[in-house]
């Protein structure tokens, strides 16, 4: 049986990664989802290909993150989440109540500033900003 020729499989090949049904399913699950945690990703992979161990999911996520095919975010107090939007310096907004996460395009303006006041000699190539607040659903629920 030859390896699949899907866009996800081609991306894995292009990144120099071994193409397996589980890795293809994982990449597709992350890309189809929205800031998914590992348990949700594992469930999505199992729905697509059957049994896969949680350890295999962790290992594949590590490989795909290192290859730049998925992005890992870790909002304080939350489990790691993974997304398929990579290659741009976007940020996130997180609900303090329910934990929902949404993308925010690169920030501009005065505050919060994205130019470090002291770069300590680093060559900075990325800024990670997380905005915190209440999502519309939680804002409505707390005001009623």
C-alpha atoms as a PDB file:
ATOM      1  CA  UNK A   1       0.000   0.000   0.000  1.00  0.00           C
ATOM      2  CA  UNK A   2       1.514   3.338  -1.014  1.00  0.00           C
ATOM      3  CA  UNK A   3       1.494   6.407   1.200  1.00  0.00           C
ATOM      4  CA  UNK A   4      -1.452   8.772   0.686  1.00  0.00           C
ATOM      5  CA  UNK A   5      -1.157  11.664  -1.779  1.00  0.00           C
ATOM      6  CA  UNK A   6      -3.197  14.242   0.111  1.00  0.00           C
ATOM      7  CA  UNK A   7      -2.171  17.868   0.673  1.00  0.00           C
ATOM      8  CA  UNK A   8      -1.306  16.977   4.283  1.00  0.00           C
ATOM      9  CA  UNK A   9       0.853  14.059   3.129  1.00  0.00           C
ATOM     10  CA  UNK A  10       2.667  16.322   0.681  1.00  0.00           C
ATOM     11  CA  UNK A  11       3.324  18.837   3.455  1.00  0.00           C
ATOM     12  CA  UNK A  12       4.790  16.082   5.623  1.00  0.00           C
ATOM     13  CA  UNK A  13       7.006  14.963   2.753  1.00  0.00           C
ATOM     14  CA  UNK A  14       8.043  18.545   2.076  1.00  0.00           C
ATOM     15  CA  UNK A  15       9.096  18.910   5.705  1.00  0.00           C
ATOM     16  CA  UNK A  16      11.164  15.737   5.481  1.00  0.00           C
ATOM     17  CA  UNK A  17       8.854  13.806   7.802  1.00  0.00           C
ATOM     18  CA  UNK A  18       7.773  10.210   7.377  1.00  0.00           C
ATOM     19  CA  UNK A  19       4.233  10.008   6.058  1.00  0.00           C
ATOM     20  CA  UNK A  20       1.912   7.772   8.071  1.00  0.00           C
ATOM     21  CA  UNK A  21      -1.869   7.593   8.152  1.00  0.00           C
ATOM     22  CA  UNK A  22      -1.802   8.774  11.784  1.00  0.00           C
ATOM     23  CA  UNK A  23       0.369  11.811  10.991  1.00  0.00           C
ATOM     24  CA  UNK A  24      -1.806  12.755   8.020  1.00  0.00           C
ATOM     25  CA  UNK A  25      -4.925  12.401  10.208  1.00  0.00           C
ATOM     26  CA  UNK A  26      -3.300  14.444  12.973  1.00  0.00           C
ATOM     27  CA  UNK A  27      -2.324  17.287  10.653  1.00  0.00           C
ATOM     28  CA  UNK A  28      -5.799  17.303   9.102  1.00  0.00           C
ATOM     29  CA  UNK A  29      -7.447  17.231  12.558  1.00  0.00           C
ATOM     30  CA  UNK A  30      -5.399  20.203  13.762  1.00  0.00           C
ATOM     31  CA  UNK A  31      -6.072  22.143  10.559  1.00  0.00           C
ATOM     32  CA  UNK A  32      -9.809  21.382  10.710  1.00  0.00           C
ATOM     33  CA  UNK A  33     -10.025  22.294  14.405  1.00  0.00           C
ATOM     34  CA  UNK A  34      -9.637  25.440  16.426  1.00  0.00           C
ATOM     35  CA  UNK A  35      -6.862  25.590  19.030  1.00  0.00           C
ATOM     36  CA  UNK A  36      -7.289  21.957  20.048  1.00  0.00           C
ATOM     37  CA  UNK A  37      -5.856  20.258  23.124  1.00  0.00           C
ATOM     38  CA  UNK A  38      -4.073  16.908  22.874  1.00  0.00           C
ATOM     39  CA  UNK A  39      -7.065  14.826  24.012  1.00  0.00           C
ATOM     40  CA  UNK A  40      -9.303  16.400  21.360  1.00  0.00           C
ATOM     41  CA  UNK A  41      -6.656  15.875  18.688  1.00  0.00           C
ATOM     42  CA  UNK A  42      -6.229  12.227  19.713  1.00  0.00           C
ATOM     43  CA  UNK A  43      -9.998  11.712  19.493  1.00  0.00           C
ATOM     44  CA  UNK A  44     -10.077  13.305  16.023  1.00  0.00           C
ATOM     45  CA  UNK A  45      -7.213  11.115  14.827  1.00  0.00           C
ATOM     46  CA  UNK A  46      -8.955   8.005  16.174  1.00  0.00           C
ATOM     47  CA  UNK A  47     -12.154   8.989  14.357  1.00  0.00           C
ATOM     48  CA  UNK A  48     -10.170   9.126  11.108  1.00  0.00           C
ATOM     49  CA  UNK A  49      -7.845   6.119  11.374  1.00  0.00           C
ATOM     50  CA  UNK A  50      -8.857   3.994  14.344  1.00  0.00           C
ATOM     51  CA  UNK A  51      -6.645   3.292  17.337  1.00  0.00           C
ATOM     52  CA  UNK A  52      -3.652   5.496  17.993  1.00  0.00           C
ATOM     53  CA  UNK A  53      -1.893   5.827  21.336  1.00  0.00           C
ATOM     54  CA  UNK A  54      -1.745   9.103  23.189  1.00  0.00           C
ATOM     55  CA  UNK A  55       2.050   8.764  23.217  1.00  0.00           C
ATOM     56  CA  UNK A  56       2.059   8.542  19.395  1.00  0.00           C
ATOM     57  CA  UNK A  57      -0.056  11.708  19.244  1.00  0.00           C
ATOM     58  CA  UNK A  58       2.382  13.550  21.539  1.00  0.00           C
ATOM     59  CA  UNK A  59       5.355  12.382  19.467  1.00  0.00           C
ATOM     60  CA  UNK A  60       3.719  13.374  16.184  1.00  0.00           C
ATOM     61  CA  UNK A  61       2.715  16.788  17.573  1.00  0.00           C
ATOM     62  CA  UNK A  62       6.311  17.353  18.683  1.00  0.00           C
ATOM     63  CA  UNK A  63       7.622  16.441  15.209  1.00  0.00           C
ATOM     64  CA  UNK A  64       5.024  18.566  13.390  1.00  0.00           C
ATOM     65  CA  UNK A  65       5.643  21.530  15.707  1.00  0.00           C
ATOM     66  CA  UNK A  66       9.416  21.263  15.229  1.00  0.00           C
ATOM     67  CA  UNK A  67       8.881  21.129  11.443  1.00  0.00           C
ATOM     68  CA  UNK A  68       6.715  24.264  11.573  1.00  0.00           C
ATOM     69  CA  UNK A  69       3.571  22.524  10.309  1.00  0.00           C
ATOM     70  CA  UNK A  70       1.586  23.199  13.484  1.00  0.00           C
ATOM     71  CA  UNK A  71       1.930  25.780  16.231  1.00  0.00           C
ATOM     72  CA  UNK A  72       1.797  25.074  19.962  1.00  0.00           C
ATOM     73  CA  UNK A  73       0.386  27.722  22.258  1.00  0.00           C
ATOM     74  CA  UNK A  74       0.260  27.545  26.044  1.00  0.00           C
ATOM     75  CA  UNK A  75      -2.011  30.119  27.657  1.00  0.00           C
ATOM     76  CA  UNK A  76      -1.237  30.383  31.383  1.00  0.00           C
ATOM     77  CA  UNK A  77      -3.258  27.917  33.420  1.00  0.00           C
ATOM     78  CA  UNK A  78      -4.424  25.997  30.335  1.00  0.00           C
ATOM     79  CA  UNK A  79      -3.219  22.818  28.663  1.00  0.00           C
ATOM     80  CA  UNK A  80      -1.167  23.186  25.510  1.00  0.00           C
ATOM     81  CA  UNK A  81      -3.234  23.853  22.408  1.00  0.00           C
ATOM     82  CA  UNK A  82      -2.310  23.317  18.781  1.00  0.00           C
ATOM     83  CA  UNK A  83      -3.313  25.149  15.638  1.00  0.00           C
ATOM     84  CA  UNK A  84      -2.673  24.919  11.935  1.00  0.00           C
ATOM     85  CA  UNK A  85      -2.161  28.642  11.377  1.00  0.00           C
ATOM     86  CA  UNK A  86       1.608  28.947  11.104  1.00  0.00           C
ATOM     87  CA  UNK A  87       4.085  31.262   9.423  1.00  0.00           C
ATOM     88  CA  UNK A  88       2.614  34.531  10.594  1.00  0.00           C
ATOM     89  CA  UNK A  89       3.139  36.321  13.861  1.00  0.00           C
ATOM     90  CA  UNK A  90      -0.500  36.330  14.976  1.00  0.00           C
ATOM     91  CA  UNK A  91      -1.617  36.413  18.586  1.00  0.00           C
ATOM     92  CA  UNK A  92      -4.494  35.060  20.676  1.00  0.00           C
ATOM     93  CA  UNK A  93      -7.367  36.161  22.888  1.00  0.00           C
ATOM     94  CA  UNK A  94      -8.405  33.773  25.679  1.00  0.00           C
ATOM     95  CA  UNK A  95     -11.627  33.775  27.705  1.00  0.00           C
ATOM     96  CA  UNK A  96     -10.893  33.790  31.433  1.00  0.00           C
ATOM     97  CA  UNK A  97     -14.123  31.930  32.108  1.00  0.00           C
ATOM     98  CA  UNK A  98     -14.560  29.135  29.534  1.00  0.00           C
ATOM     99  CA  UNK A  99     -11.039  29.059  28.039  1.00  0.00           C
ATOM    100  CA  UNK A 100     -12.073  29.521  24.408  1.00  0.00           C
ATOM    101  CA  UNK A 101      -9.190  30.796  22.250  1.00  0.00           C
ATOM    102  CA  UNK A 102      -9.400  32.950  19.113  1.00  0.00           C
ATOM    103  CA  UNK A 103      -6.792  34.298  16.711  1.00  0.00           C
ATOM    104  CA  UNK A 104      -5.900  37.988  16.665  1.00  0.00           C
ATOM    105  CA  UNK A 105      -3.883  39.391  13.782  1.00  0.00           C
ATOM    106  CA  UNK A 106      -0.624  41.131  14.632  1.00  0.00           C
ATOM    107  CA  UNK A 107      -1.158  43.944  17.098  1.00  0.00           C
ATOM    108  CA  UNK A 108      -0.486  47.559  16.257  1.00  0.00           C
ATOM    109  CA  UNK A 109      -0.686  50.774  18.214  1.00  0.00           C
ATOM    110  CA  UNK A 110       0.545  52.019  21.533  1.00  0.00           C
ATOM    111  CA  UNK A 111      -0.296  49.388  24.119  1.00  0.00           C
ATOM    112  CA  UNK A 112       0.590  46.642  24.460  1.00  0.00           C
ATOM    113  CA  UNK A 113       3.781  47.538  22.686  1.00  0.00           C
ATOM    114  CA  UNK A 114       5.496  44.952  20.536  1.00  0.00           C
ATOM    115  CA  UNK A 115       8.889  46.615  20.449  1.00  0.00           C
ATOM    116  CA  UNK A 116      10.936  45.492  23.407  1.00  0.00           C
ATOM    117  CA  UNK A 117      12.150  48.366  25.546  1.00  0.00           C
ATOM    118  CA  UNK A 118      15.434  46.448  25.992  1.00  0.00           C
ATOM    119  CA  UNK A 119      16.217  43.539  23.667  1.00  0.00           C
ATOM    120  CA  UNK A 120      19.247  42.492  25.788  1.00  0.00           C
ATOM    121  CA  UNK A 121      21.192  41.904  22.570  1.00  0.00           C
ATOM    122  CA  UNK A 122      18.676  39.416  21.158  1.00  0.00           C
ATOM    123  CA  UNK A 123      17.751  39.461  17.497  1.00  0.00           C
ATOM    124  CA  UNK A 124      13.984  39.391  18.045  1.00  0.00           C
ATOM    125  CA  UNK A 125      11.954  37.775  15.264  1.00  0.00           C
ATOM    126  CA  UNK A 126       8.621  37.104  16.965  1.00  0.00           C
ATOM    127  CA  UNK A 127       6.374  38.540  19.654  1.00  0.00           C
ATOM    128  CA  UNK A 128       3.790  36.435  21.441  1.00  0.00           C
ATOM    129  CA  UNK A 129       0.864  38.300  22.918  1.00  0.00           C
ATOM    130  CA  UNK A 130      -2.106  36.788  24.704  1.00  0.00           C
ATOM    131  CA  UNK A 131      -5.079  38.999  25.405  1.00  0.00           C
ATOM    132  CA  UNK A 132      -7.315  37.925  28.285  1.00  0.00           C
ATOM    133  CA  UNK A 133     -10.954  38.742  28.879  1.00  0.00           C
ATOM    134  CA  UNK A 134     -14.442  37.295  28.599  1.00  0.00           C
ATOM    135  CA  UNK A 135     -15.818  35.931  25.339  1.00  0.00           C
ATOM    136  CA  UNK A 136     -19.234  37.220  24.183  1.00  0.00           C
ATOM    137  CA  UNK A 137     -21.081  34.186  25.591  1.00  0.00           C
ATOM    138  CA  UNK A 138     -19.440  34.473  29.027  1.00  0.00           C
ATOM    139  CA  UNK A 139     -19.868  38.278  29.065  1.00  0.00           C
ATOM    140  CA  UNK A 140     -23.593  37.840  28.419  1.00  0.00           C
ATOM    141  CA  UNK A 141     -23.892  35.108  31.059  1.00  0.00           C
ATOM    142  CA  UNK A 142     -22.089  37.168  33.723  1.00  0.00           C
ATOM    143  CA  UNK A 143     -24.236  40.245  33.102  1.00  0.00           C
ATOM    144  CA  UNK A 144     -27.542  38.383  33.430  1.00  0.00           C
END
